[in-house]
C-alpha atoms as a PDB file:
ATOM      1  CA  MET A   1      20.430   8.692  40.012  1.00  0.00           C
ATOM      2  CA  ALA A   2      19.344   7.944  36.464  1.00  0.00           C
ATOM      3  CA  ALA A   3      21.563   6.029  34.088  1.00  0.00           C
ATOM      4  CA  PRO A   4      23.219   8.170  31.429  1.00  0.00           C
ATOM      5  CA  ALA A   5      21.570   8.229  28.022  1.00  0.00           C
ATOM      6  CA  VAL A   6      23.238   6.136  25.363  1.00  0.00           C
ATOM      7  CA  ALA A   7      23.669   7.652  21.921  1.00  0.00           C
ATOM      8  CA  HIS A   8      22.308   5.488  19.106  1.00  0.00           C
ATOM      9  CA  ALA A   9      23.776   5.678  15.626  1.00  0.00           C
ATOM     10  CA  GLU A  10      21.344   6.200  12.805  1.00  0.00           C
ATOM     11  CA  VAL A  11      20.783   3.131  10.634  1.00  0.00           C
ATOM     12  CA  CYS A  12      19.450   3.541   7.096  1.00  0.00           C
ATOM     13  CA  PHE A  13      17.943   0.997   4.729  1.00  0.00           C
ATOM     14  CA  SER A  14      17.583   0.762   0.953  1.00  0.00           C
ATOM     15  CA  ARG A  15      14.181   0.289  -0.617  1.00  0.00           C
ATOM     16  CA  ASP A  16      14.996  -3.449  -0.636  1.00  0.00           C
ATOM     17  CA  GLY A  17      15.500  -3.411   3.144  1.00  0.00           C
ATOM     18  CA  PHE A  18      19.300  -3.755   3.099  1.00  0.00           C
ATOM     19  CA  VAL A  19      21.439  -1.680   5.444  1.00  0.00           C
ATOM     20  CA  MET A  20      23.084   1.154   3.508  1.00  0.00           C
ATOM     21  CA  THR A  21      25.196   4.198   4.200  1.00  0.00           C
ATOM     22  CA  CYS A  22      22.913   6.976   5.402  1.00  0.00           C
ATOM     23  CA  PRO A  23      22.460   9.955   3.103  1.00  0.00           C
ATOM     24  CA  SER A  24      24.241  13.088   4.261  1.00  0.00           C
ATOM     25  CA  LEU A  25      22.611  14.898   7.166  1.00  0.00           C
ATOM     26  CA  LEU A  26      22.320  18.641   6.695  1.00  0.00           C
ATOM     27  CA  PRO A  27      22.598  21.162   9.566  1.00  0.00           C
ATOM     28  CA  HIS A  28      19.705  21.834  11.969  1.00  0.00           C
ATOM     29  CA  PRO A  29      18.179  18.331  12.105  1.00  0.00           C
ATOM     30  CA  VAL A  30      14.433  18.049  12.724  1.00  0.00           C
ATOM     31  CA  LYS A  31      13.043  14.958  14.506  1.00  0.00           C
ATOM     32  CA  ALA A  32      10.103  13.329  12.753  1.00  0.00           C
ATOM     33  CA  ARG A  33       7.235  11.253  14.135  1.00  0.00           C
ATOM     34  CA  PHE A  34       4.590   9.020  12.625  1.00  0.00           C
ATOM     35  CA  GLU A  35       1.064  10.370  12.888  1.00  0.00           C
ATOM     36  CA  VAL A  36      -0.242   7.204  14.560  1.00  0.00           C
ATOM     37  CA  GLY A  37      -3.856   7.755  13.455  1.00  0.00           C
ATOM     38  CA  THR A  38      -2.773   7.501   9.806  1.00  0.00           C
ATOM     39  CA  LEU A  39      -1.071   4.090  10.105  1.00  0.00           C
ATOM     40  CA  PRO A  40      -2.728   0.982   8.614  1.00  0.00           C
ATOM     41  CA  ARG A  41      -5.378  -0.670  10.824  1.00  0.00           C
ATOM     42  CA  VAL A  42      -7.317  -2.917   8.416  1.00  0.00           C
ATOM     43  CA  ALA A  43      -5.631  -5.472   6.144  1.00  0.00           C
ATOM     44  CA  GLY A  44      -6.124  -4.775   2.451  1.00  0.00           C
ATOM     45  CA  SER A  45      -7.230  -1.188   3.038  1.00  0.00           C
ATOM     46  CA  PRO A  46      -4.899   1.543   1.713  1.00  0.00           C
ATOM     47  CA  SER A  47      -3.646   4.049   4.283  1.00  0.00           C
ATOM     48  CA  GLU A  48      -2.233   7.509   3.710  1.00  0.00           C
ATOM     49  CA  ILE A  49       0.696   7.425   6.153  1.00  0.00           C
ATOM     50  CA  TYR A  50       1.918  10.779   7.472  1.00  0.00           C
ATOM     51  CA  ILE A  51       5.294  11.682   8.966  1.00  0.00           C
ATOM     52  CA  THR A  52       5.477  15.115  10.583  1.00  0.00           C
ATOM     53  CA  GLY A  53       7.852  17.206  12.663  1.00  0.00           C
ATOM     54  CA  GLY A  54       8.525  20.694  13.946  1.00  0.00           C
ATOM     55  CA  GLY A  55      10.522  23.440  12.338  1.00  0.00           C
ATOM     56  CA  ARG A  56      11.660  23.710   8.755  1.00  0.00           C
ATOM     57  CA  VAL A  57      13.178  20.855   6.750  1.00  0.00           C
ATOM     58  CA  ASP A  58      15.274  20.708   3.628  1.00  0.00           C
ATOM     59  CA  GLY A  59      13.229  20.021   0.505  1.00  0.00           C
ATOM     60  CA  THR A  60      15.289  16.937  -0.340  1.00  0.00           C
ATOM     61  CA  SER A  61      14.307  15.153   2.907  1.00  0.00           C
ATOM     62  CA  ASN A  62      12.255  12.009   2.205  1.00  0.00           C
ATOM     63  CA  PHE A  63      11.693   8.544   3.647  1.00  0.00           C
ATOM     64  CA  TYR A  64      11.152   4.899   2.809  1.00  0.00           C
ATOM     65  CA  VAL A  65       8.444   3.428   5.068  1.00  0.00           C
ATOM     66  CA  PHE A  66       8.624  -0.256   6.063  1.00  0.00           C
ATOM     67  CA  ALA A  67       6.284  -2.775   7.707  1.00  0.00           C
ATOM     68  CA  ASN A  68       8.266  -5.551   9.421  1.00  0.00           C
ATOM     69  CA  GLY A  69      11.263  -4.688   7.235  1.00  0.00           C
ATOM     70  CA  LYS A  70       9.353  -4.849   3.933  1.00  0.00           C
ATOM     71  CA  MET A  71       8.973  -1.616   1.975  1.00  0.00           C
ATOM     72  CA  LEU A  72       5.460  -0.237   2.254  1.00  0.00           C
ATOM     73  CA  CYS A  73       5.820   3.106   0.443  1.00  0.00           C
ATOM     74  CA  GLU A  74       8.097   6.094  -0.127  1.00  0.00           C
ATOM     75  CA  THR A  75       7.380   9.766   0.444  1.00  0.00           C
ATOM     76  CA  SER A  76       9.308  11.190  -2.511  1.00  0.00           C
ATOM     77  CA  GLY A  77       6.474  10.489  -4.960  1.00  0.00           C
ATOM     78  CA  ASN A  78       4.147  13.134  -3.473  1.00  0.00           C
ATOM     79  CA  LEU A  79       3.908  16.880  -3.876  1.00  0.00           C
ATOM     80  CA  ASP A  80       4.866  17.468  -0.236  1.00  0.00           C
ATOM     81  CA  GLY A  81       8.037  15.402  -0.738  1.00  0.00           C
ATOM     82  CA  GLY A  82      10.020  18.354  -2.031  1.00  0.00           C
ATOM     83  CA  ASN A  83       9.119  21.321   0.151  1.00  0.00           C
ATOM     84  CA  THR A  84      10.371  22.769   3.440  1.00  0.00           C
ATOM     85  CA  THR A  85       7.215  22.041   5.465  1.00  0.00           C
ATOM     86  CA  PRO A  86       7.926  19.153   7.902  1.00  0.00           C
ATOM     87  CA  VAL A  87       5.194  16.914   6.479  1.00  0.00           C
ATOM     88  CA  ARG A  88       5.759  13.870   4.295  1.00  0.00           C
ATOM     89  CA  HIS A  89       3.263  11.181   3.343  1.00  0.00           C
ATOM     90  CA  CYS A  90       2.802   8.112   1.199  1.00  0.00           C
ATOM     91  CA  ASN A  91       0.146   5.479   0.523  1.00  0.00           C
ATOM     92  CA  GLY A  92       0.666   1.936   1.717  1.00  0.00           C
ATOM     93  CA  THR A  93      -1.375  -1.238   2.154  1.00  0.00           C
ATOM     94  CA  ILE A  94      -0.697  -4.090   4.543  1.00  0.00           C
ATOM     95  CA  THR A  95      -2.287  -7.201   3.069  1.00  0.00           C
ATOM     96  CA  ALA A  96      -2.508  -9.570   6.053  1.00  0.00           C
ATOM     97  CA  PRO A  97      -3.712  -9.134   9.641  1.00  0.00           C
ATOM     98  CA  GLY A  98      -1.080  -9.234  12.378  1.00  0.00           C
ATOM     99  CA  THR A  99       1.347  -7.202  14.457  1.00  0.00           C
ATOM    100  CA  TYR A 100       3.711  -4.963  12.519  1.00  0.00           C
ATOM    101  CA  VAL A 101       6.650  -2.727  13.294  1.00  0.00           C
ATOM    102  CA  ILE A 102       6.327   0.395  11.170  1.00  0.00           C
ATOM    103  CA  SER A 103       9.663   2.085  10.565  1.00  0.00           C
ATOM    104  CA  ALA A 104      11.144   4.673   8.259  1.00  0.00           C
ATOM    105  CA  SER A 105      14.570   5.338   6.840  1.00  0.00           C
ATOM    106  CA  ARG A 106      15.884   8.521   5.249  1.00  0.00           C
ATOM    107  CA  SER A 107      16.041   8.066   1.470  1.00  0.00           C
ATOM    108  CA  ASN A 108      17.756  11.342   0.562  1.00  0.00           C
ATOM    109  CA  SER A 109      20.145  13.826   2.078  1.00  0.00           C
ATOM    110  CA  GLY A 110      18.413  16.422   4.207  1.00  0.00           C
ATOM    111  CA  ASN A 111      17.792  17.412   7.810  1.00  0.00           C
ATOM    112  CA  PHE A 112      14.558  15.508   8.540  1.00  0.00           C
ATOM    113  CA  LEU A 113      15.478  12.610  10.864  1.00  0.00           C
ATOM    114  CA  ALA A 114      13.544   9.349  10.626  1.00  0.00           C
ATOM    115  CA  PRO A 115      10.790   8.827  13.221  1.00  0.00           C
ATOM    116  CA  ASP A 116      10.937   6.215  15.959  1.00  0.00           C
ATOM    117  CA  ASP A 117       9.427   2.817  15.124  1.00  0.00           C
ATOM    118  CA  VAL A 118       5.775   2.218  15.967  1.00  0.00           C
ATOM    119  CA  VAL A 119       4.153  -1.167  16.660  1.00  0.00           C
ATOM    120  CA  ILE A 120       0.624  -1.569  15.294  1.00  0.00           C
ATOM    121  CA  ASN A 121      -1.984  -4.321  15.142  1.00  0.00           C
ATOM    122  CA  VAL A 122      -3.715  -4.771  11.809  1.00  0.00           C
ATOM    123  CA  GLN A 123      -7.098  -6.533  11.718  1.00  0.00           C
END
């Protein structure tokens, strides 16, 4: 028999990487995911990082994207950052090679939930 699933509370971060109260979550949440092929792979090379999901999201839904807890970019500065299509993106550059945990935190109220963290290796 499998162990019961444990519910995890959402944790949100400010652009400075400090834990903050999460923005309000609107009804009908949509789970997001990083498009892994868009994440940084080469140090010093800009990457257009995409976060996508299924369904329809509130236009206010946006994210801060972090690499090892340091802000990499935010999705609210792009044209897709204010529409109901479940696609958000931003441009970020990792400057040094190494292993990084890429994470995102909701930056505004909305119904687009942050994606799970992804571990990447940057050359």
